[in-house]
Amino acid sequence: MARPNFKDFKNKALKRPGVSEVYEELSPAYELRKKLVALRQNAGLTQEELAERLSTKKSNISRLESVSSTISPKLSTIADYAKAVGYELKIDFIPSDKKKHKQNSQRTALKRSR
């Protein structure tokens, strides 16, 4: 019997009660950490080099980038990180319920046109 691949394992796990909700809660933190690592690597920096630019220790960079970390970094820390790798931080909000958001946008447009 063949071992399931990660995609199959994930799909099966997400069907279990409660797993999907927890997965969605953790998704933004995981995505942030993946993006931080990618930005640092694309800038050609090691954790040690980035730590030096930020006047901190490598262990702090490692903890910040770790997907298993329980810390919640401050926005100023993320902004400093972005600047050190040649980026600016941009924060965006997206509607959690696209259908409801579309209805609200249409109502707002109607009010403005009156």
PDB file of N, CA and C in Angstrom:
ATOM      1  N   MET A   1       0.841  -1.187   0.000  1.00  0.00           N
ATOM      2  CA  MET A   1       0.000   0.000   0.000  1.00  0.00           C
ATOM      3  C   MET A   1       0.885   1.249   0.000  1.00  0.00           C
ATOM      4  N   ALA A   2       0.602   2.171  -0.890  1.00  0.00           N
ATOM      5  CA  ALA A   2       1.399   3.387  -1.017  1.00  0.00           C
ATOM      6  C   ALA A   2       1.061   4.371   0.098  1.00  0.00           C
ATOM      7  N   ARG A   3       2.074   5.107   0.509  1.00  0.00           N
ATOM      8  CA  ARG A   3       1.863   6.143   1.520  1.00  0.00           C
ATOM      9  C   ARG A   3       1.125   7.306   0.885  1.00  0.00           C
ATOM     10  N   PRO A   4       0.208   7.930   1.623  1.00  0.00           N
ATOM     11  CA  PRO A   4      -0.474   9.097   1.056  1.00  0.00           C
ATOM     12  C   PRO A   4       0.490  10.276   0.943  1.00  0.00           C
ATOM     13  N   ASN A   5       0.293  11.077  -0.085  1.00  0.00           N
ATOM     14  CA  ASN A   5       1.120  12.278  -0.189  1.00  0.00           C
ATOM     15  C   ASN A   5       0.538  13.361   0.717  1.00  0.00           C
ATOM     16  N   PHE A   6       1.266  14.460   0.843  1.00  0.00           N
ATOM     17  CA  PHE A   6       0.835  15.505   1.756  1.00  0.00           C
ATOM     18  C   PHE A   6      -0.520  16.082   1.365  1.00  0.00           C
ATOM     19  N   LYS A   7      -0.741  16.292   0.075  1.00  0.00           N
ATOM     20  CA  LYS A   7      -2.003  16.867  -0.388  1.00  0.00           C
ATOM     21  C   LYS A   7      -3.184  15.996   0.020  1.00  0.00           C
ATOM     22  N   ASP A   8      -3.058  14.682  -0.163  1.00  0.00           N
ATOM     23  CA  ASP A   8      -4.128  13.764   0.227  1.00  0.00           C
ATOM     24  C   ASP A   8      -4.329  13.774   1.741  1.00  0.00           C
ATOM     25  N   PHE A   9      -3.222  13.782   2.476  1.00  0.00           N
ATOM     26  CA  PHE A   9      -3.289  13.821   3.939  1.00  0.00           C
ATOM     27  C   PHE A   9      -4.009  15.083   4.408  1.00  0.00           C
ATOM     28  N   LYS A  10      -3.637  16.221   3.816  1.00  0.00           N
ATOM     29  CA  LYS A  10      -4.238  17.502   4.199  1.00  0.00           C
ATOM     30  C   LYS A  10      -5.731  17.512   3.898  1.00  0.00           C
ATOM     31  N   ASN A  11      -6.112  17.072   2.701  1.00  0.00           N
ATOM     32  CA  ASN A  11      -7.524  17.042   2.330  1.00  0.00           C
ATOM     33  C   ASN A  11      -8.334  16.156   3.267  1.00  0.00           C
ATOM     34  N   LYS A  12      -7.776  15.016   3.630  1.00  0.00           N
ATOM     35  CA  LYS A  12      -8.463  14.105   4.552  1.00  0.00           C
ATOM     36  C   LYS A  12      -8.574  14.733   5.938  1.00  0.00           C
ATOM     37  N   ALA A  13      -7.503  15.369   6.392  1.00  0.00           N
ATOM     38  CA  ALA A  13      -7.505  15.993   7.716  1.00  0.00           C
ATOM     39  C   ALA A  13      -8.511  17.136   7.787  1.00  0.00           C
ATOM     40  N   LEU A  14      -8.611  17.932   6.726  1.00  0.00           N
ATOM     41  CA  LEU A  14      -9.514  19.074   6.731  1.00  0.00           C
ATOM     42  C   LEU A  14     -10.991  18.667   6.769  1.00  0.00           C
ATOM     43  N   LYS A  15     -11.285  17.420   6.473  1.00  0.00           N
ATOM     44  CA  LYS A  15     -12.660  16.926   6.535  1.00  0.00           C
ATOM     45  C   LYS A  15     -13.067  16.564   7.961  1.00  0.00           C
ATOM     46  N   ARG A  16     -12.077  16.444   8.851  1.00  0.00           N
ATOM     47  CA  ARG A  16     -12.381  16.104  10.242  1.00  0.00           C
ATOM     48  C   ARG A  16     -12.990  17.303  10.954  1.00  0.00           C
ATOM     49  N   PRO A  17     -13.929  17.052  11.878  1.00  0.00           N
ATOM     50  CA  PRO A  17     -14.581  18.161  12.589  1.00  0.00           C
ATOM     51  C   PRO A  17     -13.575  19.040  13.326  1.00  0.00           C
ATOM     52  N   GLY A  18     -13.707  20.343  13.134  1.00  0.00           N
ATOM     53  CA  GLY A  18     -12.879  21.311  13.839  1.00  0.00           C
ATOM     54  C   GLY A  18     -11.535  21.607  13.202  1.00  0.00           C
ATOM     55  N   VAL A  19     -11.026  20.711  12.386  1.00  0.00           N
ATOM     56  CA  VAL A  19      -9.698  20.885  11.805  1.00  0.00           C
ATOM     57  C   VAL A  19      -9.686  22.069  10.830  1.00  0.00           C
ATOM     58  N   SER A  20     -10.698  22.177  10.015  1.00  0.00           N
ATOM     59  CA  SER A  20     -10.759  23.247   9.021  1.00  0.00           C
ATOM     60  C   SER A  20     -10.763  24.626   9.685  1.00  0.00           C
ATOM     61  N   GLU A  21     -11.517  24.761  10.785  1.00  0.00           N
ATOM     62  CA  GLU A  21     -11.589  26.046  11.480  1.00  0.00           C
ATOM     63  C   GLU A  21     -10.235  26.432  12.059  1.00  0.00           C
ATOM     64  N   VAL A  22      -9.551  25.484  12.675  1.00  0.00           N
ATOM     65  CA  VAL A  22      -8.235  25.759  13.256  1.00  0.00           C
ATOM     66  C   VAL A  22      -7.234  26.074  12.149  1.00  0.00           C
ATOM     67  N   TYR A  23      -7.317  25.334  11.056  1.00  0.00           N
ATOM     68  CA  TYR A  23      -6.431  25.574   9.918  1.00  0.00           C
ATOM     69  C   TYR A  23      -6.592  27.010   9.401  1.00  0.00           C
ATOM     70  N   GLU A  24      -7.833  27.455   9.263  1.00  0.00           N
ATOM     71  CA  GLU A  24      -8.102  28.810   8.778  1.00  0.00           C
ATOM     72  C   GLU A  24      -7.594  29.865   9.756  1.00  0.00           C
ATOM     73  N   GLU A  25      -7.700  29.596  11.059  1.00  0.00           N
ATOM     74  CA  GLU A  25      -7.206  30.534  12.072  1.00  0.00           C
ATOM     75  C   GLU A  25      -5.693  30.688  11.987  1.00  0.00           C
ATOM     76  N   LEU A  26      -4.988  29.596  11.748  1.00  0.00           N
ATOM     77  CA  LEU A  26      -3.535  29.612  11.733  1.00  0.00           C
ATOM     78  C   LEU A  26      -2.948  30.039  10.387  1.00  0.00           C
ATOM     79  N   SER A  27      -3.746  30.030   9.355  1.00  0.00           N
ATOM     80  CA  SER A  27      -3.261  30.307   8.012  1.00  0.00           C
ATOM     81  C   SER A  27      -2.552  31.658   7.861  1.00  0.00           C
ATOM     82  N   PRO A  28      -3.095  32.761   8.382  1.00  0.00           N
ATOM     83  CA  PRO A  28      -2.384  34.047   8.206  1.00  0.00           C
ATOM     84  C   PRO A  28      -0.997  34.063   8.843  1.00  0.00           C
ATOM     85  N   ALA A  29      -0.857  33.485  10.029  1.00  0.00           N
ATOM     86  CA  ALA A  29       0.452  33.455  10.706  1.00  0.00           C
ATOM     87  C   ALA A  29       1.435  32.600   9.910  1.00  0.00           C
ATOM     88  N   TYR A  30       0.972  31.478   9.390  1.00  0.00           N
ATOM     89  CA  TYR A  30       1.832  30.607   8.588  1.00  0.00           C
ATOM     90  C   TYR A  30       2.260  31.311   7.304  1.00  0.00           C
ATOM     91  N   GLU A  31       1.314  31.967   6.640  1.00  0.00           N
ATOM     92  CA  GLU A  31       1.628  32.673   5.399  1.00  0.00           C
ATOM     93  C   GLU A  31       2.618  33.802   5.645  1.00  0.00           C
ATOM     94  N   LEU A  32       2.455  34.524   6.747  1.00  0.00           N
ATOM     95  CA  LEU A  32       3.387  35.593   7.077  1.00  0.00           C
ATOM     96  C   LEU A  32       4.794  35.042   7.222  1.00  0.00           C
ATOM     97  N   ARG A  33       4.942  33.968   7.963  1.00  0.00           N
ATOM     98  CA  ARG A  33       6.263  33.397   8.196  1.00  0.00           C
ATOM     99  C   ARG A  33       6.892  32.872   6.911  1.00  0.00           C
ATOM    100  N   LYS A  34       6.080  32.236   6.058  1.00  0.00           N
ATOM    101  CA  LYS A  34       6.590  31.776   4.760  1.00  0.00           C
ATOM    102  C   LYS A  34       7.077  32.954   3.929  1.00  0.00           C
ATOM    103  N   LYS A  35       6.327  34.046   3.956  1.00  0.00           N
ATOM    104  CA  LYS A  35       6.694  35.229   3.175  1.00  0.00           C
ATOM    105  C   LYS A  35       7.973  35.858   3.724  1.00  0.00           C
ATOM    106  N   LEU A  36       8.116  35.921   5.047  1.00  0.00           N
ATOM    107  CA  LEU A  36       9.330  36.487   5.635  1.00  0.00           C
ATOM    108  C   LEU A  36      10.563  35.709   5.181  1.00  0.00           C
ATOM    109  N   VAL A  37      10.486  34.393   5.240  1.00  0.00           N
ATOM    110  CA  VAL A  37      11.617  33.554   4.823  1.00  0.00           C
ATOM    111  C   VAL A  37      11.924  33.785   3.346  1.00  0.00           C
ATOM    112  N   ALA A  38      10.886  33.814   2.507  1.00  0.00           N
ATOM    113  CA  ALA A  38      11.086  34.009   1.068  1.00  0.00           C
ATOM    114  C   ALA A  38      11.722  35.370   0.782  1.00  0.00           C
ATOM    115  N   LEU A  39      11.263  36.410   1.467  1.00  0.00           N
ATOM    116  CA  LEU A  39      11.836  37.744   1.254  1.00  0.00           C
ATOM    117  C   LEU A  39      13.313  37.775   1.640  1.00  0.00           C
ATOM    118  N   ARG A  40      13.632  37.168   2.778  1.00  0.00           N
ATOM    119  CA  ARG A  40      15.028  37.151   3.226  1.00  0.00           C
ATOM    120  C   ARG A  40      15.896  36.385   2.239  1.00  0.00           C
ATOM    121  N   GLN A  41      15.427  35.224   1.806  1.00  0.00           N
ATOM    122  CA  GLN A  41      16.202  34.413   0.873  1.00  0.00           C
ATOM    123  C   GLN A  41      16.353  35.115  -0.476  1.00  0.00           C
ATOM    124  N   ASN A  42      15.294  35.762  -0.947  1.00  0.00           N
ATOM    125  CA  ASN A  42      15.371  36.494  -2.216  1.00  0.00           C
ATOM    126  C   ASN A  42      16.332  37.671  -2.136  1.00  0.00           C
ATOM    127  N   ALA A  43      16.493  38.217  -0.929  1.00  0.00           N
ATOM    128  CA  ALA A  43      17.449  39.311  -0.730  1.00  0.00           C
ATOM    129  C   ALA A  43      18.876  38.771  -0.609  1.00  0.00           C
ATOM    130  N   GLY A  44      19.017  37.437  -0.605  1.00  0.00           N
ATOM    131  CA  GLY A  44      20.336  36.821  -0.520  1.00  0.00           C
ATOM    132  C   GLY A  44      20.963  36.916   0.866  1.00  0.00           C
ATOM    133  N   LEU A  45      20.117  36.999   1.885  1.00  0.00           N
ATOM    134  CA  LEU A  45      20.613  37.148   3.245  1.00  0.00           C
ATOM    135  C   LEU A  45      20.428  35.871   4.056  1.00  0.00           C
ATOM    136  N   THR A  46      21.373  35.616   4.931  1.00  0.00           N
ATOM    137  CA  THR A  46      21.217  34.552   5.924  1.00  0.00           C
ATOM    138  C   THR A  46      20.512  35.158   7.125  1.00  0.00           C
ATOM    139  N   GLN A  47      20.067  34.311   8.029  1.00  0.00           N
ATOM    140  CA  GLN A  47      19.465  34.819   9.258  1.00  0.00           C
ATOM    141  C   GLN A  47      20.474  35.653  10.044  1.00  0.00           C
ATOM    142  N   GLU A  48      21.721  35.216  10.030  1.00  0.00           N
ATOM    143  CA  GLU A  48      22.773  35.955  10.748  1.00  0.00           C
ATOM    144  C   GLU A  48      22.949  37.356  10.162  1.00  0.00           C
ATOM    145  N   GLU A  49      22.985  37.458   8.833  1.00  0.00           N
ATOM    146  CA  GLU A  49      23.169  38.753   8.181  1.00  0.00           C
ATOM    147  C   GLU A  49      21.979  39.679   8.439  1.00  0.00           C
ATOM    148  N   LEU A  50      20.785  39.117   8.397  1.00  0.00           N
ATOM    149  CA  LEU A  50      19.595  39.921   8.663  1.00  0.00           C
ATOM    150  C   LEU A  50      19.588  40.385  10.119  1.00  0.00           C
ATOM    151  N   ALA A  51      19.954  39.496  11.017  1.00  0.00           N
ATOM    152  CA  ALA A  51      20.015  39.860  12.438  1.00  0.00           C
ATOM    153  C   ALA A  51      20.970  41.031  12.650  1.00  0.00           C
ATOM    154  N   GLU A  52      22.094  41.008  11.949  1.00  0.00           N
ATOM    155  CA  GLU A  52      23.065  42.093  12.063  1.00  0.00           C
ATOM    156  C   GLU A  52      22.461  43.409  11.579  1.00  0.00           C
ATOM    157  N   ARG A  53      21.748  43.362  10.453  1.00  0.00           N
ATOM    158  CA  ARG A  53      21.097  44.575   9.921  1.00  0.00           C
ATOM    159  C   ARG A  53      20.063  45.132  10.895  1.00  0.00           C
ATOM    160  N   LEU A  54      19.416  44.232  11.639  1.00  0.00           N
ATOM    161  CA  LEU A  54      18.357  44.648  12.555  1.00  0.00           C
ATOM    162  C   LEU A  54      18.852  44.839  13.986  1.00  0.00           C
ATOM    163  N   SER A  55      20.151  44.706  14.175  1.00  0.00           N
ATOM    164  CA  SER A  55      20.750  44.829  15.511  1.00  0.00           C
ATOM    165  C   SER A  55      20.086  43.906  16.531  1.00  0.00           C
ATOM    166  N   THR A  56      19.978  42.660  16.136  1.00  0.00           N
ATOM    167  CA  THR A  56      19.389  41.660  17.022  1.00  0.00           C
ATOM    168  C   THR A  56      20.180  40.364  16.889  1.00  0.00           C
ATOM    169  N   LYS A  57      19.683  39.308  17.503  1.00  0.00           N
ATOM    170  CA  LYS A  57      20.362  38.010  17.452  1.00  0.00           C
ATOM    171  C   LYS A  57      19.721  37.118  16.395  1.00  0.00           C
ATOM    172  N   LYS A  58      20.511  36.181  15.875  1.00  0.00           N
ATOM    173  CA  LYS A  58      20.014  35.216  14.895  1.00  0.00           C
ATOM    174  C   LYS A  58      18.833  34.439  15.472  1.00  0.00           C
ATOM    175  N   SER A  59      18.878  34.120  16.760  1.00  0.00           N
ATOM    176  CA  SER A  59      17.805  33.348  17.385  1.00  0.00           C
ATOM    177  C   SER A  59      16.466  34.086  17.312  1.00  0.00           C
ATOM    178  N   ASN A  60      16.510  35.417  17.359  1.00  0.00           N
ATOM    179  CA  ASN A  60      15.274  36.194  17.237  1.00  0.00           C
ATOM    180  C   ASN A  60      14.704  36.110  15.822  1.00  0.00           C
ATOM    181  N   ILE A  61      15.580  36.135  14.819  1.00  0.00           N
ATOM    182  CA  ILE A  61      15.136  35.990  13.429  1.00  0.00           C
ATOM    183  C   ILE A  61      14.569  34.586  13.218  1.00  0.00           C
ATOM    184  N   SER A  62      15.250  33.602  13.750  1.00  0.00           N
ATOM    185  CA  SER A  62      14.796  32.215  13.636  1.00  0.00           C
ATOM    186  C   SER A  62      13.414  32.039  14.254  1.00  0.00           C
ATOM    187  N   ARG A  63      13.212  32.610  15.422  1.00  0.00           N
ATOM    188  CA  ARG A  63      11.928  32.496  16.112  1.00  0.00           C
ATOM    189  C   ARG A  63      10.836  33.228  15.327  1.00  0.00           C
ATOM    190  N   LEU A  64      11.169  34.392  14.789  1.00  0.00           N
ATOM    191  CA  LEU A  64      10.209  35.161  14.005  1.00  0.00           C
ATOM    192  C   LEU A  64       9.769  34.401  12.756  1.00  0.00           C
ATOM    193  N   GLU A  65      10.696  33.694  12.120  1.00  0.00           N
ATOM    194  CA  GLU A  65      10.398  32.963  10.881  1.00  0.00           C
ATOM    195  C   GLU A  65       9.821  31.573  11.112  1.00  0.00           C
ATOM    196  N   SER A  66       9.890  31.066  12.309  1.00  0.00           N
ATOM    197  CA  SER A  66       9.471  29.692  12.588  1.00  0.00           C
ATOM    198  C   SER A  66       7.953  29.533  12.548  1.00  0.00           C
ATOM    199  N   VAL A  67       7.482  28.571  11.751  1.00  0.00           N
ATOM    200  CA  VAL A  67       6.038  28.322  11.664  1.00  0.00           C
ATOM    201  C   VAL A  67       5.497  27.718  12.949  1.00  0.00           C
ATOM    202  N   SER A  68       6.363  27.172  13.783  1.00  0.00           N
ATOM    203  CA  SER A  68       5.900  26.590  15.045  1.00  0.00           C
ATOM    204  C   SER A  68       5.995  27.577  16.204  1.00  0.00           C
ATOM    205  N   SER A  69       6.422  28.805  15.905  1.00  0.00           N
ATOM    206  CA  SER A  69       6.561  29.822  16.947  1.00  0.00           C
ATOM    207  C   SER A  69       5.195  30.264  17.451  1.00  0.00           C
ATOM    208  N   THR A  70       5.115  30.504  18.741  1.00  0.00           N
ATOM    209  CA  THR A  70       3.863  30.977  19.336  1.00  0.00           C
ATOM    210  C   THR A  70       3.874  32.485  19.553  1.00  0.00           C
ATOM    211  N   ILE A  71       4.993  33.147  19.201  1.00  0.00           N
ATOM    212  CA  ILE A  71       5.044  34.595  19.386  1.00  0.00           C
ATOM    213  C   ILE A  71       4.222  35.290  18.307  1.00  0.00           C
ATOM    214  N   SER A  72       3.736  36.447  18.637  1.00  0.00           N
ATOM    215  CA  SER A  72       3.008  37.274  17.683  1.00  0.00           C
ATOM    216  C   SER A  72       3.798  38.567  17.536  1.00  0.00           C
ATOM    217  N   PRO A  73       4.509  38.725  16.437  1.00  0.00           N
ATOM    218  CA  PRO A  73       5.377  39.896  16.291  1.00  0.00           C
ATOM    219  C   PRO A  73       4.593  41.201  16.189  1.00  0.00           C
ATOM    220  N   LYS A  74       5.216  42.271  16.660  1.00  0.00           N
ATOM    221  CA  LYS A  74       4.614  43.603  16.531  1.00  0.00           C
ATOM    222  C   LYS A  74       4.722  44.056  15.074  1.00  0.00           C
ATOM    223  N   LEU A  75       3.819  44.917  14.677  1.00  0.00           N
ATOM    224  CA  LEU A  75       3.868  45.452  13.312  1.00  0.00           C
ATOM    225  C   LEU A  75       5.173  46.173  13.050  1.00  0.00           C
ATOM    226  N   SER A  76       5.689  46.858  14.047  1.00  0.00           N
ATOM    227  CA  SER A  76       6.953  47.571  13.855  1.00  0.00           C
ATOM    228  C   SER A  76       8.095  46.600  13.565  1.00  0.00           C
ATOM    229  N   THR A  77       8.050  45.421  14.166  1.00  0.00           N
ATOM    230  CA  THR A  77       9.073  44.402  13.906  1.00  0.00           C
ATOM    231  C   THR A  77       8.984  43.917  12.462  1.00  0.00           C
ATOM    232  N   ILE A  78       7.768  43.675  12.008  1.00  0.00           N
ATOM    233  CA  ILE A  78       7.565  43.212  10.633  1.00  0.00           C
ATOM    234  C   ILE A  78       7.973  44.313   9.644  1.00  0.00           C
ATOM    235  N   ALA A  79       7.654  45.558   9.976  1.00  0.00           N
ATOM    236  CA  ALA A  79       8.033  46.679   9.105  1.00  0.00           C
ATOM    237  C   ALA A  79       9.557  46.821   9.042  1.00  0.00           C
ATOM    238  N   ASP A  80      10.234  46.679  10.183  1.00  0.00           N
ATOM    239  CA  ASP A  80      11.700  46.753  10.202  1.00  0.00           C
ATOM    240  C   ASP A  80      12.305  45.621   9.386  1.00  0.00           C
ATOM    241  N   TYR A  81      11.746  44.435   9.505  1.00  0.00           N
ATOM    242  CA  TYR A  81      12.203  43.262   8.759  1.00  0.00           C
ATOM    243  C   TYR A  81      12.073  43.550   7.258  1.00  0.00           C
ATOM    244  N   ALA A  82      10.894  44.040   6.860  1.00  0.00           N
ATOM    245  CA  ALA A  82      10.655  44.334   5.446  1.00  0.00           C
ATOM    246  C   ALA A  82      11.674  45.346   4.924  1.00  0.00           C
ATOM    247  N   LYS A  83      11.913  46.400   5.677  1.00  0.00           N
ATOM    248  CA  LYS A  83      12.858  47.435   5.261  1.00  0.00           C
ATOM    249  C   LYS A  83      14.268  46.859   5.123  1.00  0.00           C
ATOM    250  N   ALA A  84      14.645  45.974   6.045  1.00  0.00           N
ATOM    251  CA  ALA A  84      15.987  45.387   6.024  1.00  0.00           C
ATOM    252  C   ALA A  84      16.219  44.495   4.805  1.00  0.00           C
ATOM    253  N   VAL A  85      15.145  43.968   4.215  1.00  0.00           N
ATOM    254  CA  VAL A  85      15.291  43.123   3.024  1.00  0.00           C
ATOM    255  C   VAL A  85      14.874  43.867   1.750  1.00  0.00           C
ATOM    256  N   GLY A  86      14.662  45.197   1.886  1.00  0.00           N
ATOM    257  CA  GLY A  86      14.391  46.010   0.704  1.00  0.00           C
ATOM    258  C   GLY A  86      12.940  46.159   0.324  1.00  0.00           C
ATOM    259  N   TYR A  87      12.051  46.014   1.268  1.00  0.00           N
ATOM    260  CA  TYR A  87      10.616  46.129   1.005  1.00  0.00           C
ATOM    261  C   TYR A  87       9.960  47.107   1.963  1.00  0.00           C
ATOM    262  N   GLU A  88       8.740  47.511   1.631  1.00  0.00           N
ATOM    263  CA  GLU A  88       7.887  48.272   2.535  1.00  0.00           C
ATOM    264  C   GLU A  88       6.729  47.361   2.922  1.00  0.00           C
ATOM    265  N   LEU A  89       6.212  47.573   4.108  1.00  0.00           N
ATOM    266  CA  LEU A  89       5.082  46.779   4.583  1.00  0.00           C
ATOM    267  C   LEU A  89       3.782  47.416   4.105  1.00  0.00           C
ATOM    268  N   LYS A  90       2.890  46.601   3.566  1.00  0.00           N
ATOM    269  CA  LYS A  90       1.561  47.046   3.161  1.00  0.00           C
ATOM    270  C   LYS A  90       0.567  46.096   3.814  1.00  0.00           C
ATOM    271  N   ILE A  91      -0.426  46.660   4.473  1.00  0.00           N
ATOM    272  CA  ILE A  91      -1.452  45.840   5.123  1.00  0.00           C
ATOM    273  C   ILE A  91      -2.734  45.994   4.327  1.00  0.00           C
ATOM    274  N   ASP A  92      -3.414  44.895   4.098  1.00  0.00           N
ATOM    275  CA  ASP A  92      -4.627  44.907   3.306  1.00  0.00           C
ATOM    276  C   ASP A  92      -5.705  44.115   4.031  1.00  0.00           C
ATOM    277  N   PHE A  93      -6.944  44.514   3.867  1.00  0.00           N
ATOM    278  CA  PHE A  93      -8.074  43.800   4.435  1.00  0.00           C
ATOM    279  C   PHE A  93      -8.923  43.255   3.295  1.00  0.00           C
ATOM    280  N   ILE A  94      -9.350  42.028   3.452  1.00  0.00           N
ATOM    281  CA  ILE A  94     -10.218  41.419   2.450  1.00  0.00           C
ATOM    282  C   ILE A  94     -11.489  40.950   3.149  1.00  0.00           C
ATOM    283  N   PRO A  95     -12.619  41.017   2.483  1.00  0.00           N
ATOM    284  CA  PRO A  95     -13.864  40.601   3.128  1.00  0.00           C
ATOM    285  C   PRO A  95     -13.854  39.095   3.396  1.00  0.00           C
ATOM    286  N   SER A  96     -14.337  38.730   4.570  1.00  0.00           N
ATOM    287  CA  SER A  96     -14.393  37.309   4.900  1.00  0.00           C
ATOM    288  C   SER A  96     -15.595  36.647   4.240  1.00  0.00           C
ATOM    289  N   ASP A  97     -16.637  37.424   3.975  1.00  0.00           N
ATOM    290  CA  ASP A  97     -17.818  36.906   3.296  1.00  0.00           C
ATOM    291  C   ASP A  97     -18.015  37.742   2.043  1.00  0.00           C
ATOM    292  N   LYS A  98     -17.506  37.257   0.923  1.00  0.00           N
ATOM    293  CA  LYS A  98     -17.516  38.030  -0.320  1.00  0.00           C
ATOM    294  C   LYS A  98     -18.928  38.396  -0.778  1.00  0.00           C
ATOM    295  N   LYS A  99     -19.897  37.487  -0.570  1.00  0.00           N
ATOM    296  CA  LYS A  99     -21.266  37.754  -0.992  1.00  0.00           C
ATOM    297  C   LYS A  99     -21.846  38.918  -0.182  1.00  0.00           C
ATOM    298  N   LYS A 100     -21.640  38.884   1.126  1.00  0.00           N
ATOM    299  CA  LYS A 100     -22.142  39.950   1.987  1.00  0.00           C
ATOM    300  C   LYS A 100     -21.451  41.266   1.654  1.00  0.00           C
ATOM    301  N   HIS A 101     -20.134  41.216   1.408  1.00  0.00           N
ATOM    302  CA  HIS A 101     -19.376  42.419   1.060  1.00  0.00           C
ATOM    303  C   HIS A 101     -19.904  43.035  -0.234  1.00  0.00           C
ATOM    304  N   LYS A 102     -20.221  42.204  -1.201  1.00  0.00           N
ATOM    305  CA  LYS A 102     -20.727  42.697  -2.487  1.00  0.00           C
ATOM    306  C   LYS A 102     -22.073  43.394  -2.288  1.00  0.00           C
ATOM    307  N   GLN A 103     -22.945  42.812  -1.443  1.00  0.00           N
ATOM    308  CA  GLN A 103     -24.244  43.435  -1.177  1.00  0.00           C
ATOM    309  C   GLN A 103     -24.071  44.783  -0.485  1.00  0.00           C
ATOM    310  N   ASN A 104     -23.168  44.865   0.491  1.00  0.00           N
ATOM    311  CA  ASN A 104     -22.914  46.124   1.188  1.00  0.00           C
ATOM    312  C   ASN A 104     -22.357  47.171   0.242  1.00  0.00           C
ATOM    313  N   SER A 105     -21.472  46.771  -0.670  1.00  0.00           N
ATOM    314  CA  SER A 105     -20.894  47.700  -1.642  1.00  0.00           C
ATOM    315  C   SER A 105     -21.972  48.246  -2.570  1.00  0.00           C
ATOM    316  N   GLN A 106     -22.904  47.384  -2.965  1.00  0.00           N
ATOM    317  CA  GLN A 106     -23.981  47.812  -3.851  1.00  0.00           C
ATOM    318  C   GLN A 106     -24.897  48.801  -3.133  1.00  0.00           C
ATOM    319  N   ARG A 107     -25.203  48.542  -1.840  1.00  0.00           N
ATOM    320  CA  ARG A 107     -26.039  49.455  -1.067  1.00  0.00           C
ATOM    321  C   ARG A 107     -25.360  50.811  -0.912  1.00  0.00           C
ATOM    322  N   THR A 108     -24.064  50.809  -0.658  1.00  0.00           N
ATOM    323  CA  THR A 108     -23.311  52.053  -0.512  1.00  0.00           C
ATOM    324  C   THR A 108     -23.338  52.835  -1.815  1.00  0.00           C
ATOM    325  N   ALA A 109     -23.183  52.145  -2.933  1.00  0.00           N
ATOM    326  CA  ALA A 109     -23.208  52.803  -4.240  1.00  0.00           C
ATOM    327  C   ALA A 109     -24.588  53.407  -4.497  1.00  0.00           C
ATOM    328  N   LEU A 110     -25.668  52.714  -4.104  1.00  0.00           N
ATOM    329  CA  LEU A 110     -27.012  53.242  -4.280  1.00  0.00           C
ATOM    330  C   LEU A 110     -27.228  54.501  -3.456  1.00  0.00           C
ATOM    331  N   LYS A 111     -26.747  54.480  -2.213  1.00  0.00           N
ATOM    332  CA  LYS A 111     -26.896  55.654  -1.341  1.00  0.00           C
ATOM    333  C   LYS A 111     -26.160  56.853  -1.927  1.00  0.00           C
ATOM    334  N   ARG A 112     -24.994  56.634  -2.492  1.00  0.00           N
ATOM    335  CA  ARG A 112     -24.200  57.729  -3.060  1.00  0.00           C
ATOM    336  C   ARG A 112     -24.856  58.318  -4.302  1.00  0.00           C
ATOM    337  N   SER A 113     -25.586  57.474  -5.040  1.00  0.00           N
ATOM    338  CA  SER A 113     -26.183  57.954  -6.282  1.00  0.00           C
ATOM    339  C   SER A 113     -27.478  58.725  -6.056  1.00  0.00           C
ATOM    340  N   ARG A 114     -27.996  58.709  -4.855  1.00  0.00           N
ATOM    341  CA  ARG A 114     -29.265  59.427  -4.572  1.00  0.00           C
ATOM    342  C   ARG A 114     -29.050  60.865  -4.346  1.00  0.00           C
TER     343      ARG A 114
END
